[in-house]
Amino acid sequence: MGPTMPKNKPPHKQYPRHSDALAEHRGWLARAEKVALLPFNQGGSTHPTVKVGAVLVDKDGHEIAAAANRFAHGLDRRRPERYKNGSKSLWVNCAEQMAVARAARLGVPLNEARLYVTLEPCAVCAGLLAELHIKQVFVPVGAMRRYAKLKSKWKQSIEVGLIKLAEAGITLTSIDTNTVPSGRRTKR
């Protein structure tokens, strides 16, 4: 009789045989999307139209922190004037900022962490990621197009953010989240 296998599984993730190489990245992007769409009382986005989620993952593939774009703790999100005349952006914090703040509150180091986010980082968040030495950011393919109500000022901020990421040596990878893994067929 051969050696017996240990009862505890190894600490790394294993994927089904038909899984593709990008399955882990798709899973984390799906997690970021889920966080963004949670009800606001469960940590989801308070933004009425642009709901963004972010997940920080450590080098071993474990979640460090997840957050959505929302009001900071203690701020009154119910005040209607905070949603009018372009003032939302002054009150709602970016998902990336909220995830980093959560990691800081938990005291978790971000060495070699990677970020999964449902929208490319804005100029401010790109600078923050550079300061934190985050070297990998993953977004869905066509992320900006998915946010039809994104204002032109944010599109411009994202363009500057992309430049900042590139200059800081941060790799931005777009993942096709709609791809069917090899070995699986869709019905016709």
C-alpha atoms as a PDB file:
ATOM      1  CA  MET A   1       0.000   0.000   0.000  1.00  0.00           C
ATOM      2  CA  GLY A   2       1.290   3.511  -0.871  1.00  0.00           C
ATOM      3  CA  PRO A   3       1.808   6.439   1.490  1.00  0.00           C
ATOM      4  CA  THR A   4      -1.306   8.043   2.915  1.00  0.00           C
ATOM      5  CA  MET A   5      -2.125  11.622   2.054  1.00  0.00           C
ATOM      6  CA  PRO A   6      -2.242  14.169   4.903  1.00  0.00           C
ATOM      7  CA  LYS A   7      -5.726  15.125   6.011  1.00  0.00           C
ATOM      8  CA  ASN A   8      -5.027  18.865   5.757  1.00  0.00           C
ATOM      9  CA  LYS A   9      -4.961  20.269   2.253  1.00  0.00           C
ATOM     10  CA  PRO A  10      -1.971  22.353   1.174  1.00  0.00           C
ATOM     11  CA  PRO A  11      -2.305  26.123   1.685  1.00  0.00           C
ATOM     12  CA  HIS A  12      -2.360  26.879  -2.040  1.00  0.00           C
ATOM     13  CA  LYS A  13      -5.488  27.046  -4.149  1.00  0.00           C
ATOM     14  CA  GLN A  14      -6.247  24.258  -6.567  1.00  0.00           C
ATOM     15  CA  TYR A  15      -8.513  24.715  -9.545  1.00  0.00           C
ATOM     16  CA  PRO A  16     -10.632  22.181 -11.379  1.00  0.00           C
ATOM     17  CA  ARG A  17      -8.960  20.508 -14.329  1.00  0.00           C
ATOM     18  CA  HIS A  18     -10.876  22.672 -16.806  1.00  0.00           C
ATOM     19  CA  SER A  19      -9.809  25.906 -15.125  1.00  0.00           C
ATOM     20  CA  ASP A  20      -7.616  28.280 -17.097  1.00  0.00           C
ATOM     21  CA  ALA A  21      -4.564  30.239 -15.989  1.00  0.00           C
ATOM     22  CA  LEU A  22      -6.567  33.415 -15.331  1.00  0.00           C
ATOM     23  CA  ALA A  23      -9.192  31.823 -13.082  1.00  0.00           C
ATOM     24  CA  GLU A  24      -7.681  33.264  -9.907  1.00  0.00           C
ATOM     25  CA  HIS A  25      -7.663  36.791 -11.341  1.00  0.00           C
ATOM     26  CA  ARG A  26     -11.247  36.448 -12.560  1.00  0.00           C
ATOM     27  CA  GLY A  27     -12.262  35.244  -9.117  1.00  0.00           C
ATOM     28  CA  TRP A  28     -10.746  38.262  -7.389  1.00  0.00           C
ATOM     29  CA  LEU A  29     -12.344  40.649  -9.901  1.00  0.00           C
ATOM     30  CA  ALA A  30     -15.687  38.950  -9.268  1.00  0.00           C
ATOM     31  CA  ARG A  31     -15.107  39.455  -5.540  1.00  0.00           C
ATOM     32  CA  ALA A  32     -14.423  43.187  -6.139  1.00  0.00           C
ATOM     33  CA  GLU A  33     -17.643  43.450  -8.164  1.00  0.00           C
ATOM     34  CA  LYS A  34     -19.600  41.689  -5.414  1.00  0.00           C
ATOM     35  CA  VAL A  35     -18.241  44.078  -2.774  1.00  0.00           C
ATOM     36  CA  ALA A  36     -19.244  47.097  -4.873  1.00  0.00           C
ATOM     37  CA  LEU A  37     -22.795  45.806  -5.251  1.00  0.00           C
ATOM     38  CA  LEU A  38     -23.383  44.920  -1.602  1.00  0.00           C
ATOM     39  CA  PRO A  39     -26.041  47.013   0.134  1.00  0.00           C
ATOM     40  CA  PHE A  40     -24.407  50.115   1.614  1.00  0.00           C
ATOM     41  CA  ASN A  41     -25.238  48.973   5.152  1.00  0.00           C
ATOM     42  CA  GLN A  42     -23.035  45.919   4.468  1.00  0.00           C
ATOM     43  CA  GLY A  43     -20.105  47.962   3.123  1.00  0.00           C
ATOM     44  CA  GLY A  44     -21.193  48.300  -0.493  1.00  0.00           C
ATOM     45  CA  SER A  45     -20.991  51.449  -2.557  1.00  0.00           C
ATOM     46  CA  THR A  46     -23.091  54.428  -1.547  1.00  0.00           C
ATOM     47  CA  HIS A  47     -22.645  56.042  -4.956  1.00  0.00           C
ATOM     48  CA  PRO A  48     -25.989  55.997  -6.781  1.00  0.00           C
ATOM     49  CA  THR A  49     -24.603  55.214 -10.263  1.00  0.00           C
ATOM     50  CA  VAL A  50     -20.860  54.416 -10.195  1.00  0.00           C
ATOM     51  CA  LYS A  51     -20.292  51.469  -7.892  1.00  0.00           C
ATOM     52  CA  VAL A  52     -16.621  50.479  -7.659  1.00  0.00           C
ATOM     53  CA  GLY A  53     -15.100  47.640  -5.645  1.00  0.00           C
ATOM     54  CA  ALA A  54     -11.481  46.879  -4.763  1.00  0.00           C
ATOM     55  CA  VAL A  55      -9.728  43.896  -3.185  1.00  0.00           C
ATOM     56  CA  LEU A  56      -6.146  43.787  -1.913  1.00  0.00           C
ATOM     57  CA  VAL A  57      -4.570  40.325  -2.095  1.00  0.00           C
ATOM     58  CA  ASP A  58      -1.284  39.258  -0.520  1.00  0.00           C
ATOM     59  CA  LYS A  59       1.527  37.426  -2.318  1.00  0.00           C
ATOM     60  CA  ASP A  60       0.140  34.064  -1.146  1.00  0.00           C
ATOM     61  CA  GLY A  61      -3.296  34.714  -2.646  1.00  0.00           C
ATOM     62  CA  HIS A  62      -5.143  35.618   0.564  1.00  0.00           C
ATOM     63  CA  GLU A  63      -7.482  38.580   0.838  1.00  0.00           C
ATOM     64  CA  ILE A  64      -6.069  41.443   2.873  1.00  0.00           C
ATOM     65  CA  ALA A  65      -8.952  43.905   2.581  1.00  0.00           C
ATOM     66  CA  ALA A  66     -11.937  44.658   0.381  1.00  0.00           C
ATOM     67  CA  ALA A  67     -13.962  47.841   0.055  1.00  0.00           C
ATOM     68  CA  ALA A  68     -16.295  49.820  -2.174  1.00  0.00           C
ATOM     69  CA  ASN A  69     -16.373  53.505  -3.026  1.00  0.00           C
ATOM     70  CA  ARG A  70     -18.387  55.066  -0.236  1.00  0.00           C
ATOM     71  CA  PHE A  71     -18.593  57.736   2.435  1.00  0.00           C
ATOM     72  CA  ALA A  72     -15.998  57.438   5.183  1.00  0.00           C
ATOM     73  CA  HIS A  73     -17.224  56.094   8.538  1.00  0.00           C
ATOM     74  CA  GLY A  74     -19.089  58.708  10.535  1.00  0.00           C
ATOM     75  CA  LEU A  75     -20.124  60.877   7.580  1.00  0.00           C
ATOM     76  CA  ASP A  76     -23.832  61.336   6.910  1.00  0.00           C
ATOM     77  CA  ARG A  77     -24.569  59.827   3.495  1.00  0.00           C
ATOM     78  CA  ARG A  78     -28.258  60.732   3.771  1.00  0.00           C
ATOM     79  CA  ARG A  79     -27.767  64.464   3.215  1.00  0.00           C
ATOM     80  CA  PRO A  80     -29.145  65.092  -0.307  1.00  0.00           C
ATOM     81  CA  GLU A  81     -26.893  68.079  -1.025  1.00  0.00           C
ATOM     82  CA  ARG A  82     -23.910  65.698  -0.998  1.00  0.00           C
ATOM     83  CA  TYR A  83     -25.244  64.073  -4.165  1.00  0.00           C
ATOM     84  CA  LYS A  84     -26.001  67.226  -6.197  1.00  0.00           C
ATOM     85  CA  ASN A  85     -24.107  69.540  -8.530  1.00  0.00           C
ATOM     86  CA  GLY A  86     -20.995  67.417  -8.849  1.00  0.00           C
ATOM     87  CA  SER A  87     -20.351  67.287  -5.124  1.00  0.00           C
ATOM     88  CA  LYS A  88     -20.495  63.464  -4.855  1.00  0.00           C
ATOM     89  CA  SER A  89     -16.791  63.246  -5.665  1.00  0.00           C
ATOM     90  CA  LEU A  90     -16.022  65.480  -2.683  1.00  0.00           C
ATOM     91  CA  TRP A  91     -17.818  63.133  -0.295  1.00  0.00           C
ATOM     92  CA  VAL A  92     -17.404  59.608  -1.663  1.00  0.00           C
ATOM     93  CA  ASN A  93     -13.977  58.007  -1.195  1.00  0.00           C
ATOM     94  CA  CYS A  94     -12.536  55.720  -3.871  1.00  0.00           C
ATOM     95  CA  ALA A  95     -12.673  51.957  -3.326  1.00  0.00           C
ATOM     96  CA  GLU A  96      -8.866  51.705  -3.512  1.00  0.00           C
ATOM     97  CA  GLN A  97      -8.481  54.267  -0.713  1.00  0.00           C
ATOM     98  CA  MET A  98     -11.030  52.472   1.437  1.00  0.00           C
ATOM     99  CA  ALA A  99      -9.327  49.079   0.955  1.00  0.00           C
ATOM    100  CA  VAL A 100      -5.923  50.544   1.851  1.00  0.00           C
ATOM    101  CA  ALA A 101      -7.413  52.253   4.919  1.00  0.00           C
ATOM    102  CA  ARG A 102      -8.978  48.957   6.014  1.00  0.00           C
ATOM    103  CA  ALA A 103      -5.630  47.159   5.630  1.00  0.00           C
ATOM    104  CA  ALA A 104      -3.954  49.921   7.685  1.00  0.00           C
ATOM    105  CA  ARG A 105      -6.578  49.620  10.454  1.00  0.00           C
ATOM    106  CA  LEU A 106      -5.947  45.873  10.541  1.00  0.00           C
ATOM    107  CA  GLY A 107      -2.185  46.439  10.611  1.00  0.00           C
ATOM    108  CA  VAL A 108      -1.640  44.231   7.573  1.00  0.00           C
ATOM    109  CA  PRO A 109       1.504  44.995   5.560  1.00  0.00           C
ATOM    110  CA  LEU A 110       1.044  45.488   1.841  1.00  0.00           C
ATOM    111  CA  ASN A 111       4.429  44.065   0.792  1.00  0.00           C
ATOM    112  CA  GLU A 112       3.999  42.404  -2.588  1.00  0.00           C
ATOM    113  CA  ALA A 113       0.216  42.902  -2.447  1.00  0.00           C
ATOM    114  CA  ARG A 114      -1.773  43.187  -5.637  1.00  0.00           C
ATOM    115  CA  LEU A 115      -4.969  45.120  -6.197  1.00  0.00           C
ATOM    116  CA  TYR A 116      -8.093  44.005  -8.025  1.00  0.00           C
ATOM    117  CA  VAL A 117     -10.461  46.850  -8.850  1.00  0.00           C
ATOM    118  CA  THR A 118     -13.528  47.174 -11.068  1.00  0.00           C
ATOM    119  CA  LEU A 119     -12.382  50.507 -12.565  1.00  0.00           C
ATOM    120  CA  GLU A 120      -8.922  51.827 -13.405  1.00  0.00           C
ATOM    121  CA  PRO A 121      -7.478  53.944 -10.560  1.00  0.00           C
ATOM    122  CA  CYS A 122      -7.924  57.716 -10.682  1.00  0.00           C
ATOM    123  CA  ALA A 123      -4.954  60.080 -10.448  1.00  0.00           C
ATOM    124  CA  VAL A 124      -5.095  60.299  -6.642  1.00  0.00           C
ATOM    125  CA  CYS A 125      -5.374  56.537  -6.131  1.00  0.00           C
ATOM    126  CA  ALA A 126      -2.594  55.845  -8.650  1.00  0.00           C
ATOM    127  CA  GLY A 127      -0.311  58.118  -6.625  1.00  0.00           C
ATOM    128  CA  LEU A 128      -1.321  56.335  -3.429  1.00  0.00           C
ATOM    129  CA  LEU A 129      -0.586  52.930  -4.979  1.00  0.00           C
ATOM    130  CA  ALA A 130       2.836  54.166  -6.094  1.00  0.00           C
ATOM    131  CA  GLU A 131       3.630  55.397  -2.565  1.00  0.00           C
ATOM    132  CA  LEU A 132       2.604  52.027  -1.137  1.00  0.00           C
ATOM    133  CA  HIS A 133       4.762  50.151  -3.677  1.00  0.00           C
ATOM    134  CA  ILE A 134       1.792  48.158  -4.975  1.00  0.00           C
ATOM    135  CA  LYS A 135       3.242  46.707  -8.185  1.00  0.00           C
ATOM    136  CA  GLN A 136       0.254  44.941  -9.768  1.00  0.00           C
ATOM    137  CA  VAL A 137      -3.250  46.202 -10.481  1.00  0.00           C
ATOM    138  CA  PHE A 138      -5.888  44.104 -12.238  1.00  0.00           C
ATOM    139  CA  VAL A 139      -9.065  45.455 -13.857  1.00  0.00           C
ATOM    140  CA  PRO A 140     -11.697  43.945 -16.144  1.00  0.00           C
ATOM    141  CA  VAL A 141     -11.179  44.493 -19.869  1.00  0.00           C
ATOM    142  CA  GLY A 142     -13.038  47.650 -20.902  1.00  0.00           C
ATOM    143  CA  ALA A 143     -13.590  48.666 -17.282  1.00  0.00           C
ATOM    144  CA  MET A 144     -14.160  52.340 -18.036  1.00  0.00           C
ATOM    145  CA  ARG A 145     -16.754  51.523 -20.716  1.00  0.00           C
ATOM    146  CA  ARG A 146     -18.763  49.578 -18.127  1.00  0.00           C
ATOM    147  CA  TYR A 147     -19.380  52.809 -16.228  1.00  0.00           C
ATOM    148  CA  ALA A 148     -21.595  54.700 -18.679  1.00  0.00           C
ATOM    149  CA  LYS A 149     -22.378  57.477 -16.187  1.00  0.00           C
ATOM    150  CA  LEU A 150     -18.722  58.224 -15.401  1.00  0.00           C
ATOM    151  CA  LYS A 151     -18.198  61.964 -15.741  1.00  0.00           C
ATOM    152  CA  SER A 152     -15.545  63.349 -18.078  1.00  0.00           C
ATOM    153  CA  LYS A 153     -13.542  64.748 -15.123  1.00  0.00           C
ATOM    154  CA  TRP A 154     -13.153  61.179 -13.811  1.00  0.00           C
ATOM    155  CA  LYS A 155     -12.232  59.856 -17.244  1.00  0.00           C
ATOM    156  CA  GLN A 156      -9.494  62.508 -17.367  1.00  0.00           C
ATOM    157  CA  SER A 157      -8.381  61.604 -13.863  1.00  0.00           C
ATOM    158  CA  ILE A 158      -8.145  57.955 -14.876  1.00  0.00           C
ATOM    159  CA  GLU A 159      -6.036  58.902 -17.914  1.00  0.00           C
ATOM    160  CA  VAL A 160      -3.614  60.717 -15.581  1.00  0.00           C
ATOM    161  CA  GLY A 161      -3.780  57.746 -13.213  1.00  0.00           C
ATOM    162  CA  LEU A 162      -2.729  55.396 -16.014  1.00  0.00           C
ATOM    163  CA  ILE A 163       0.286  57.590 -16.712  1.00  0.00           C
ATOM    164  CA  LYS A 164       1.199  57.626 -13.014  1.00  0.00           C
ATOM    165  CA  LEU A 165       0.929  53.833 -12.813  1.00  0.00           C
ATOM    166  CA  ALA A 166       3.193  53.418 -15.839  1.00  0.00           C
ATOM    167  CA  GLU A 167       5.790  55.891 -14.587  1.00  0.00           C
ATOM    168  CA  ALA A 168       5.826  54.246 -11.147  1.00  0.00           C
ATOM    169  CA  GLY A 169       6.438  50.827 -12.721  1.00  0.00           C
ATOM    170  CA  ILE A 170       3.058  49.471 -11.682  1.00  0.00           C
ATOM    171  CA  THR A 171       1.727  46.812 -14.022  1.00  0.00           C
ATOM    172  CA  LEU A 172      -1.907  47.268 -14.999  1.00  0.00           C
ATOM    173  CA  THR A 173      -3.412  44.071 -16.372  1.00  0.00           C
ATOM    174  CA  SER A 174      -6.817  43.915 -18.008  1.00  0.00           C
ATOM    175  CA  ILE A 175      -8.536  40.564 -17.559  1.00  0.00           C
ATOM    176  CA  ASP A 176     -11.352  39.358 -19.794  1.00  0.00           C
ATOM    177  CA  THR A 177     -13.920  38.391 -17.195  1.00  0.00           C
ATOM    178  CA  ASN A 178     -16.360  37.078 -19.809  1.00  0.00           C
ATOM    179  CA  THR A 179     -14.095  34.383 -21.210  1.00  0.00           C
ATOM    180  CA  VAL A 180     -15.305  30.810 -20.958  1.00  0.00           C
ATOM    181  CA  PRO A 181     -12.443  28.607 -19.679  1.00  0.00           C
ATOM    182  CA  SER A 182     -11.117  26.040 -22.139  1.00  0.00           C
ATOM    183  CA  GLY A 183     -12.802  22.688 -21.959  1.00  0.00           C
ATOM    184  CA  ARG A 184     -16.234  24.222 -21.342  1.00  0.00           C
ATOM    185  CA  ARG A 185     -18.812  24.749 -24.021  1.00  0.00           C
ATOM    186  CA  THR A 186     -21.620  27.233 -24.204  1.00  0.00           C
ATOM    187  CA  LYS A 187     -25.064  26.206 -25.451  1.00  0.00           C
ATOM    188  CA  ARG A 188     -26.033  27.412 -28.890  1.00  0.00           C
END
